[in-house]
Amino acid sequence: MIGPVLMAACLLAAAPAFAQAAGDHARDPKTTEVWAPVPTIVATPVGIAPSDAIVLFDGRDVSAWESEQGGRVPWSVADGALTVVPGSKGIRTRQSFCDIQLHVEWRTPVETKGFEGQNRGNSGIFLQALYELQVLDSYNNATYANGQAGSIYKQAMPLVNASRAPGQWQSYDIIWKAPRFSQGGGLTTPARITVLHNGVLVQDDTVLAGKTEYIGAPSYAPHACAPLYLQEHDSKVSYRNIWVREL
């Protein structure tokens, strides 16, 4: 039988060899390489939607949309743009969505004389038809901060005002994480949104308190995936190059 003293001496003698083996393993780059699964290849041509995107408007085809009341799209299509016809109501996608990456380009009217605050270039992009990302001419146009362009309307003001002058095309790149509800209808995970306005971060993983309300506090009610909705708000706002990727 090996005594305690001899056992300890043997372990101490072997320790450098064990340490060297462990060190060699830690220095081997192959131990941290992951080869599978291989990410899907997505083509990203300049100025065109990614190859795995669903194109919702390409400058001509509005077949992905319908009036908010059903039926044909009541807005005008000309020169590659889809433009609001005041008084015609909003439009929604025929397809429903939950978690998405969304790209939208938009333009407010050049003429601003006589229009101030919320009356200047007002529209909105509603995720799941309930949660509004504000579209507004916020270039030298004072209004409440949680109602300007880039805001989650009446909930979260943008981090900065990245607006371009009226008549210039602007872009939103949006990451939307839909809320989750339990089988009993309770909220388990709130909605979250990240928004880049003209390439500038204006909403950073913002947590929503509920659906958009014009008056009163936001709140949640259980719902499923739902269409995207573009608002008609008495202003000739134009849209183009709209595409979405389901996440």
Protein backbone atom coordinates (compact mmCIF):
# COMPACT_ATOMS: atom_id res chain seq x y z
CA MET A 1 0.00 0.00 0.00
CA ILE A 2 1.28 3.46 -0.85
CA GLY A 3 1.43 5.73 2.15
CA PRO A 4 -0.05 9.24 2.20
CA VAL A 5 3.35 10.90 1.92
CA LEU A 6 4.40 8.80 -1.09
CA MET A 7 1.00 9.37 -2.78
CA ALA A 8 1.34 13.14 -2.41
CA ALA A 9 4.86 13.00 -3.84
CA CYS A 10 3.61 11.03 -6.89
CA LEU A 11 0.82 13.56 -7.56
CA LEU A 12 3.23 16.48 -7.32
CA ALA A 13 5.60 14.78 -9.75
CA ALA A 14 2.78 14.18 -12.24
CA ALA A 15 1.26 17.70 -11.97
CA PRO A 16 3.54 19.37 -14.57
CA ALA A 17 2.63 16.71 -17.14
CA PHE A 18 -1.09 17.19 -16.51
CA ALA A 19 -0.73 20.99 -16.70
CA GLN A 20 1.20 20.72 -19.96
CA ALA A 21 -1.50 18.47 -21.51
CA ALA A 22 -4.26 20.85 -20.43
CA GLY A 23 -2.31 23.81 -21.76
CA ASP A 24 -1.76 22.13 -25.12
CA HIS A 25 -5.49 21.43 -25.35
CA ALA A 26 -6.35 25.07 -24.56
CA ARG A 27 -3.95 26.31 -27.24
CA ASP A 28 -5.46 24.07 -29.94
CA PRO A 29 -7.73 26.27 -32.13
CA LYS A 30 -9.73 23.24 -33.26
CA THR A 31 -11.28 22.92 -29.81
CA THR A 32 -13.36 26.08 -30.44
CA GLU A 33 -14.23 25.54 -34.10
CA VAL A 34 -17.88 24.79 -34.98
CA TRP A 35 -18.44 23.44 -38.51
CA ALA A 36 -22.13 22.52 -38.46
CA PRO A 37 -24.80 23.49 -39.10
CA VAL A 38 -23.63 25.68 -41.98
CA PRO A 39 -25.51 29.04 -42.20
CA THR A 40 -27.76 29.43 -45.23
CA ILE A 41 -26.30 31.59 -47.99
CA VAL A 42 -28.26 34.80 -48.60
CA ALA A 43 -27.43 36.94 -51.63
CA THR A 44 -27.33 40.68 -50.91
CA PRO A 45 -27.17 42.59 -54.20
CA VAL A 46 -26.79 46.37 -53.85
CA GLY A 47 -30.11 48.21 -53.80
CA ILE A 48 -32.17 45.02 -54.02
CA ALA A 49 -33.90 42.98 -51.33
CA PRO A 50 -31.94 40.01 -49.91
CA SER A 51 -32.57 36.75 -51.72
CA ASP A 52 -34.56 35.29 -48.80
CA ALA A 53 -36.79 38.36 -48.37
CA ILE A 54 -40.48 38.69 -49.18
CA VAL A 55 -40.79 41.71 -51.46
CA LEU A 56 -43.90 43.66 -50.48
CA PHE A 57 -43.50 46.55 -52.92
CA ASP A 58 -40.99 46.78 -55.76
CA GLY A 59 -42.16 50.03 -57.29
CA ARG A 60 -44.95 48.51 -59.38
CA ASP A 61 -46.68 45.48 -57.91
CA VAL A 62 -49.14 46.04 -55.06
CA SER A 63 -50.55 42.51 -55.03
CA ALA A 64 -49.13 41.93 -51.52
CA TRP A 65 -51.45 44.66 -50.18
CA GLU A 66 -55.12 45.41 -49.77
CA SER A 67 -57.24 48.22 -48.36
CA GLU A 68 -57.69 48.15 -44.59
CA GLN A 69 -61.34 47.41 -45.38
CA GLY A 70 -60.44 44.68 -47.86
CA GLY A 71 -60.34 44.98 -51.63
CA ARG A 72 -58.01 46.84 -53.96
CA VAL A 73 -55.30 49.23 -52.78
CA PRO A 74 -56.71 52.77 -52.94
CA TRP A 75 -53.34 54.56 -53.08
CA SER A 76 -51.57 55.73 -56.24
CA VAL A 77 -48.56 54.07 -57.86
CA ALA A 78 -46.27 56.22 -60.02
CA ASP A 79 -42.52 56.60 -60.62
CA GLY A 80 -41.73 53.61 -58.43
CA ALA A 81 -43.56 54.96 -55.40
CA LEU A 82 -46.74 54.02 -53.57
CA THR A 83 -48.37 57.25 -52.36
CA VAL A 84 -51.17 57.88 -49.89
CA VAL A 85 -54.40 59.26 -51.33
CA PRO A 86 -55.81 61.43 -48.53
CA GLY A 87 -59.17 60.23 -47.33
CA SER A 88 -58.78 56.77 -48.84
CA LYS A 89 -57.96 54.81 -45.62
CA GLY A 90 -54.84 52.80 -44.88
CA ILE A 91 -53.52 49.60 -46.44
CA ARG A 92 -52.39 46.28 -44.98
CA THR A 93 -50.45 43.26 -46.17
CA ARG A 94 -52.42 40.20 -47.19
CA GLN A 95 -49.89 38.07 -45.29
CA SER A 96 -49.55 38.04 -41.52
CA PHE A 97 -46.21 38.28 -39.70
CA CYS A 98 -44.72 37.83 -36.23
CA ASP A 99 -40.94 38.24 -35.74
CA ILE A 100 -39.44 40.08 -38.72
CA GLN A 101 -36.72 42.22 -40.21
CA LEU A 102 -38.45 44.98 -42.17
CA HIS A 103 -37.03 47.53 -44.61
CA VAL A 104 -39.17 50.50 -45.65
CA GLU A 105 -38.27 53.66 -47.56
CA TRP A 106 -40.54 56.68 -47.24
CA ARG A 107 -40.82 60.31 -48.29
CA THR A 108 -42.90 63.20 -46.94
CA PRO A 109 -44.29 65.92 -49.26
CA VAL A 110 -42.05 68.80 -50.35
CA GLU A 111 -44.76 71.38 -49.72
CA THR A 112 -44.91 72.23 -46.01
CA LYS A 113 -46.50 75.69 -46.01
CA GLY A 114 -49.50 75.71 -43.69
CA PHE A 115 -48.61 72.33 -42.16
CA GLU A 116 -47.00 72.11 -38.73
CA GLY A 117 -46.47 69.50 -36.02
CA GLN A 118 -48.49 66.33 -36.47
CA ASN A 119 -50.11 67.71 -39.63
CA ARG A 120 -46.86 67.64 -41.61
CA GLY A 121 -46.14 64.42 -43.49
CA ASN A 122 -47.95 62.16 -41.03
CA SER A 123 -48.28 58.41 -41.58
CA GLY A 124 -47.24 55.34 -39.65
CA ILE A 125 -46.00 51.78 -39.92
CA PHE A 126 -47.96 49.43 -37.68
CA LEU A 127 -46.30 46.15 -36.73
CA GLN A 128 -48.89 43.38 -36.35
CA ALA A 129 -51.46 46.10 -37.14
CA LEU A 130 -51.29 47.31 -33.52
CA TYR A 131 -47.92 48.88 -32.70
CA GLU A 132 -47.01 52.13 -34.50
CA LEU A 133 -43.60 53.31 -35.61
CA GLN A 134 -44.27 56.94 -36.46
CA VAL A 135 -43.67 58.40 -39.92
CA LEU A 136 -43.59 62.21 -39.85
CA ASP A 137 -41.75 65.17 -41.34
CA SER A 138 -39.58 65.91 -38.30
CA TYR A 139 -37.12 68.18 -40.12
CA ASN A 140 -37.28 71.55 -38.32
CA ASN A 141 -40.81 70.68 -37.22
CA ALA A 142 -41.58 70.84 -33.50
CA THR A 143 -43.97 68.33 -31.95
CA TYR A 144 -44.08 66.13 -28.86
CA ALA A 145 -40.96 63.95 -28.73
CA ASN A 146 -42.80 60.64 -28.47
CA GLY A 147 -44.75 61.53 -31.61
CA GLN A 148 -41.93 62.56 -33.95
CA ALA A 149 -40.37 60.41 -36.67
CA GLY A 150 -38.64 57.35 -35.26
CA SER A 151 -40.81 57.25 -32.15
CA ILE A 152 -42.93 54.37 -30.99
CA TYR A 153 -45.99 56.55 -31.01
CA LYS A 154 -46.93 57.88 -27.56
CA GLN A 155 -44.52 55.39 -25.93
CA ALA A 156 -40.84 55.87 -26.76
CA MET A 157 -39.10 58.91 -28.24
CA PRO A 158 -36.21 58.24 -30.64
CA LEU A 159 -32.66 58.41 -29.33
CA VAL A 160 -31.88 61.14 -31.89
CA ASN A 161 -33.65 62.99 -34.70
CA ALA A 162 -32.16 61.56 -37.91
CA SER A 163 -34.70 63.14 -40.25
CA ARG A 164 -33.92 64.40 -43.74
CA ALA A 165 -35.55 67.41 -45.37
CA PRO A 166 -39.06 67.03 -46.81
CA GLY A 167 -39.13 65.51 -50.28
CA GLN A 168 -36.04 63.37 -49.64
CA TRP A 169 -36.26 59.60 -49.40
CA GLN A 170 -35.63 58.16 -45.95
CA SER A 171 -35.35 54.60 -44.65
CA TYR A 172 -36.32 52.52 -41.67
CA ASP A 173 -34.63 49.20 -40.91
CA ILE A 174 -36.60 47.43 -38.23
CA ILE A 175 -36.10 44.33 -36.09
CA TRP A 176 -39.43 43.34 -34.55
CA LYS A 177 -39.90 40.71 -31.88
CA ALA A 178 -43.59 39.95 -31.42
CA PRO A 179 -45.13 39.64 -27.95
CA ARG A 180 -45.89 36.18 -26.61
CA PHE A 181 -48.98 35.13 -24.70
CA SER A 182 -49.78 32.10 -22.58
CA GLN A 183 -52.57 29.69 -23.48
CA GLY A 184 -54.67 31.50 -20.92
CA GLY A 185 -54.10 34.83 -22.67
CA GLY A 186 -51.59 36.34 -20.25
CA LEU A 187 -48.53 38.22 -21.50
CA THR A 188 -45.37 36.13 -21.17
CA THR A 189 -42.97 38.26 -23.23
CA PRO A 190 -43.56 41.88 -24.32
CA ALA A 191 -42.89 43.14 -27.84
CA ARG A 192 -39.44 44.58 -28.58
CA ILE A 193 -38.22 46.76 -31.44
CA THR A 194 -34.91 48.02 -32.81
CA VAL A 195 -35.01 50.74 -35.47
CA LEU A 196 -32.37 52.40 -37.64
CA HIS A 197 -33.54 55.65 -39.24
CA ASN A 198 -31.39 56.53 -42.24
CA GLY A 199 -28.77 54.15 -40.86
CA VAL A 200 -28.80 55.72 -37.38
CA LEU A 201 -29.98 53.79 -34.31
CA VAL A 202 -33.10 55.45 -32.89
CA GLN A 203 -34.76 52.56 -31.00
CA ASP A 204 -32.42 50.17 -29.21
CA ASP A 205 -34.24 46.93 -28.32
CA THR A 206 -37.09 49.03 -26.93
CA VAL A 207 -39.66 47.15 -24.86
CA LEU A 208 -43.26 48.11 -25.66
CA ALA A 209 -45.84 48.56 -22.93
CA GLY A 210 -48.66 47.51 -25.23
CA LYS A 211 -50.50 48.46 -28.40
CA THR A 212 -50.54 52.03 -29.67
CA GLU A 213 -53.19 54.29 -28.17
CA TYR A 214 -53.92 57.89 -29.14
CA ILE A 215 -55.44 58.55 -25.72
CA GLY A 216 -54.67 56.60 -22.58
CA ALA A 217 -52.03 54.11 -21.50
CA PRO A 218 -50.95 51.23 -23.75
CA SER A 219 -51.91 47.69 -22.79
CA TYR A 220 -51.78 44.17 -24.19
CA ALA A 221 -54.52 41.84 -25.32
CA PRO A 222 -53.67 38.39 -26.71
CA HIS A 223 -53.35 38.13 -30.49
CA ALA A 224 -51.66 36.06 -33.17
CA CYS A 225 -49.44 37.04 -36.09
CA ALA A 226 -51.03 39.89 -38.03
CA PRO A 227 -50.55 42.04 -41.15
CA LEU A 228 -48.31 45.07 -41.49
CA TYR A 229 -50.36 48.23 -41.83
CA LEU A 230 -49.50 51.59 -43.42
CA GLN A 231 -51.52 54.51 -42.13
CA GLU A 232 -53.37 57.12 -44.16
CA HIS A 233 -53.32 60.37 -42.19
CA ASP A 234 -54.39 63.05 -44.68
CA SER A 235 -50.88 63.53 -46.06
CA LYS A 236 -49.38 62.42 -49.39
CA VAL A 237 -46.58 60.32 -47.89
CA SER A 238 -44.89 57.95 -50.35
CA TYR A 239 -43.36 54.51 -49.84
CA ARG A 240 -41.02 52.34 -51.89
CA ASN A 241 -38.65 49.36 -51.66
CA ILE A 242 -40.54 47.51 -48.93
CA TRP A 243 -39.34 44.03 -48.02
CA VAL A 244 -39.47 41.74 -45.04
CA ARG A 245 -37.57 38.72 -43.73
CA GLU A 246 -39.28 36.38 -41.32
CA LEU A 247 -37.09 35.59 -38.31
